[in-house]
Amino acid sequence: MSGVFPINIIRFFLLLLAQVLFFSNIHAHPLLDVYIYPIFILSLPFNTPRWLLMVLSLMMGLSVDFFLGSLGMHGAAALLLGFLRPNLVSIITPKGADFEINPNIYVQGIMWFAIYYSVAYLILLGSYFSIESWGFYNLFWLVIKILLSTTTSILISIFLLYLFTTDKRRRHT
């Protein structure tokens, strides 16, 4: 448990740097944005109190806002995700599942993570792009942008999880 704090501080800064310096500068298409900073929020321990989850989510969102000049829009979307994450985890987790303290793609499995990240990214990017467009004026393009950005961000996030997460599956003898 003592190693959780330093790992999450390192994860915060590495994801923030990667988001600001690399992923925010990818301009493949006007309807496609890639966001990896939610990995920080989604990778916090399951037993993180909601108030702390919300504070850390807001800090990450406002940090991204500071560097990208987006006036609190990432902060608001990240805060919403931080608030809803405990409910999301309890809804998609099977009853009686024996999960470890930290989310781990090898322990929970790819299907659980795909659902977890899909719903979480839809919440985050749906709220972010709705705030960014100041409403639902051009709903068709808003939905397309949310779906394209969500799909791309999920694929890149899961790839990064496989790349940087250690295999901590329990060995049954």
Protein backbone atom coordinates (compact mmCIF):
# COMPACT_ATOMS: atom_id res chain seq x y z
CA MET A 1 0.00 0.00 0.00
CA SER A 2 2.91 2.35 0.63
CA GLY A 3 4.04 2.03 -3.00
CA VAL A 4 0.68 3.18 -4.37
CA PHE A 5 1.25 6.88 -3.66
CA PRO A 6 4.60 7.33 -5.47
CA ILE A 7 3.45 5.26 -8.45
CA ASN A 8 0.35 7.42 -8.86
CA ILE A 9 2.36 10.64 -8.62
CA ILE A 10 4.68 9.38 -11.36
CA ARG A 11 1.68 8.23 -13.42
CA PHE A 12 0.06 11.67 -13.01
CA PHE A 13 3.06 13.55 -14.37
CA LEU A 14 3.93 11.07 -17.13
CA LEU A 15 0.37 10.99 -18.46
CA LEU A 16 0.11 14.78 -18.22
CA LEU A 17 3.36 15.22 -20.14
CA ALA A 18 2.38 12.65 -22.77
CA GLN A 19 -1.03 14.28 -23.18
CA VAL A 20 0.27 17.83 -23.46
CA LEU A 21 3.44 17.24 -25.47
CA PHE A 22 2.36 14.44 -27.79
CA PHE A 23 -1.28 13.36 -27.90
CA SER A 24 -2.75 16.88 -27.95
CA ASN A 25 -0.62 17.68 -30.99
CA ILE A 26 -1.99 14.85 -33.12
CA HIS A 27 -4.21 16.47 -35.71
CA ALA A 28 -5.19 13.55 -37.92
CA HIS A 29 -8.74 14.81 -38.47
CA PRO A 30 -10.93 17.63 -37.07
CA LEU A 31 -13.31 15.04 -35.60
CA LEU A 32 -10.56 13.05 -33.89
CA ASP A 33 -8.85 13.93 -30.62
CA VAL A 34 -6.84 11.49 -28.50
CA TYR A 35 -6.97 11.71 -24.72
CA ILE A 36 -4.92 9.45 -22.48
CA TYR A 37 -4.99 11.45 -19.24
CA PRO A 38 -8.12 9.59 -18.01
CA ILE A 39 -5.89 6.55 -17.50
CA PHE A 40 -4.75 8.28 -14.30
CA ILE A 41 -8.30 8.60 -12.98
CA LEU A 42 -9.30 5.10 -14.03
CA SER A 43 -6.14 3.50 -12.60
CA LEU A 44 -6.46 4.86 -9.07
CA PRO A 45 -7.07 2.20 -6.41
CA PHE A 46 -10.63 0.92 -6.05
CA ASN A 47 -10.69 1.90 -2.38
CA THR A 48 -9.88 5.58 -3.04
CA PRO A 49 -12.49 7.71 -1.23
CA ARG A 50 -14.83 9.54 -3.58
CA TRP A 51 -13.79 12.98 -2.30
CA LEU A 52 -10.11 12.22 -2.97
CA LEU A 53 -10.95 10.74 -6.36
CA MET A 54 -12.80 13.93 -7.25
CA VAL A 55 -9.95 16.16 -6.04
CA LEU A 56 -7.34 14.17 -7.99
CA SER A 57 -9.57 14.10 -11.09
CA LEU A 58 -10.06 17.85 -10.91
CA MET A 59 -6.30 18.37 -10.47
CA MET A 60 -5.57 16.29 -13.56
CA GLY A 61 -8.28 18.00 -15.62
CA LEU A 62 -7.21 21.50 -14.58
CA SER A 63 -3.57 20.64 -15.28
CA VAL A 64 -4.51 19.62 -18.82
CA ASP A 65 -6.61 22.80 -19.09
CA PHE A 66 -3.68 24.92 -17.96
CA PHE A 67 -1.38 23.61 -20.68
CA LEU A 68 -3.98 23.43 -23.44
CA GLY A 69 -5.81 26.68 -22.63
CA SER A 70 -9.23 25.04 -22.51
CA LEU A 71 -10.66 27.17 -19.65
CA GLY A 72 -11.72 24.42 -17.22
CA MET A 73 -13.51 22.16 -19.69
CA HIS A 74 -11.21 19.19 -19.04
CA GLY A 75 -11.49 19.92 -15.33
CA ALA A 76 -15.28 19.74 -15.42
CA ALA A 77 -15.31 16.54 -17.49
CA ALA A 78 -12.65 14.89 -15.32
CA LEU A 79 -14.52 15.89 -12.16
CA LEU A 80 -17.68 14.26 -13.50
CA LEU A 81 -15.73 11.09 -14.30
CA GLY A 82 -14.17 11.09 -10.82
CA PHE A 83 -17.60 11.46 -9.25
CA LEU A 84 -19.16 8.65 -11.31
CA ARG A 85 -16.24 6.19 -11.27
CA PRO A 86 -17.19 4.36 -8.02
CA ASN A 87 -20.72 3.82 -9.36
CA LEU A 88 -19.36 2.64 -12.70
CA VAL A 89 -17.03 0.13 -11.03
CA SER A 90 -19.82 -1.23 -8.84
CA ILE A 91 -22.19 -1.58 -11.81
CA ILE A 92 -19.82 -3.41 -14.17
CA THR A 93 -18.06 -5.57 -11.57
CA PRO A 94 -19.58 -9.04 -11.21
CA LYS A 95 -20.94 -9.82 -7.77
CA GLY A 96 -18.42 -11.72 -5.69
CA ALA A 97 -15.50 -10.83 -7.96
CA ASP A 98 -12.17 -10.95 -6.17
CA PHE A 99 -10.34 -7.92 -7.53
CA GLU A 100 -7.12 -6.54 -6.18
CA ILE A 101 -6.80 -3.02 -4.81
CA ASN A 102 -5.60 -1.47 -8.09
CA PRO A 103 -7.22 -1.94 -11.49
CA ASN A 104 -5.03 -4.30 -13.52
CA ILE A 105 -5.82 -5.35 -17.06
CA TYR A 106 -4.34 -8.80 -16.45
CA VAL A 107 -6.40 -9.44 -13.30
CA GLN A 108 -9.76 -8.03 -14.40
CA GLY A 109 -9.39 -9.14 -18.02
CA ILE A 110 -9.71 -7.38 -21.35
CA MET A 111 -13.51 -7.54 -21.50
CA TRP A 112 -13.95 -5.88 -18.11
CA PHE A 113 -11.43 -3.19 -19.05
CA ALA A 114 -13.03 -2.64 -22.46
CA ILE A 115 -16.42 -2.04 -20.85
CA TYR A 116 -14.91 0.04 -18.03
CA TYR A 117 -12.93 2.27 -20.38
CA SER A 118 -15.73 2.51 -22.97
CA VAL A 119 -18.29 3.80 -20.51
CA ALA A 120 -15.78 6.03 -18.71
CA TYR A 121 -14.49 7.59 -21.92
CA LEU A 122 -18.04 8.12 -23.21
CA ILE A 123 -18.85 9.97 -19.98
CA LEU A 124 -15.66 12.05 -20.09
CA LEU A 125 -15.58 12.88 -23.79
CA GLY A 126 -19.35 13.26 -24.05
CA SER A 127 -19.32 15.87 -21.33
CA TYR A 128 -16.12 17.52 -22.59
CA PHE A 129 -17.24 17.88 -26.20
CA SER A 130 -20.72 19.02 -25.12
CA ILE A 131 -19.14 21.75 -23.01
CA GLU A 132 -16.69 22.61 -25.80
CA SER A 133 -19.47 23.02 -28.37
CA TRP A 134 -21.63 24.95 -25.88
CA GLY A 135 -24.63 22.72 -26.43
CA PHE A 136 -26.10 20.22 -28.82
CA TYR A 137 -26.46 22.52 -31.83
CA ASN A 138 -24.87 20.21 -34.39
CA LEU A 139 -25.75 16.94 -32.68
CA PHE A 140 -24.76 14.63 -35.53
CA TRP A 141 -21.17 15.92 -35.71
CA LEU A 142 -20.95 16.04 -31.93
CA VAL A 143 -21.90 12.35 -31.68
CA ILE A 144 -19.46 11.42 -34.47
CA LYS A 145 -16.64 13.31 -32.73
CA ILE A 146 -17.43 11.68 -29.38
CA LEU A 147 -17.52 8.18 -30.90
CA LEU A 148 -14.36 8.59 -33.01
CA SER A 149 -12.36 10.18 -30.20
CA THR A 150 -13.63 7.64 -27.67
CA THR A 151 -12.76 4.67 -29.86
CA THR A 152 -9.29 5.95 -30.67
CA SER A 153 -8.55 6.96 -27.08
CA ILE A 154 -9.70 3.56 -25.75
CA LEU A 155 -7.55 1.63 -28.22
CA ILE A 156 -4.47 3.70 -27.43
CA SER A 157 -5.16 3.54 -23.67
CA ILE A 158 -5.55 -0.25 -23.65
CA PHE A 159 -2.39 -0.58 -25.74
CA LEU A 160 -0.53 1.58 -23.20
CA LEU A 161 -1.95 -0.48 -20.33
CA TYR A 162 -0.67 -3.68 -21.90
CA LEU A 163 2.67 -2.02 -22.52
CA PHE A 164 3.21 -0.58 -19.04
CA THR A 165 1.23 -2.83 -16.67
CA THR A 166 2.94 -5.78 -15.06
CA ASP A 167 1.27 -9.17 -15.19
CA LYS A 168 0.05 -9.69 -11.62
CA ARG A 169 -2.25 -12.64 -12.18
CA ARG A 170 -2.58 -14.87 -9.20
CA ARG A 171 -0.92 -18.22 -9.55
CA HIS A 172 -3.10 -21.07 -8.31
CA THR A 173 -1.17 -24.19 -7.31
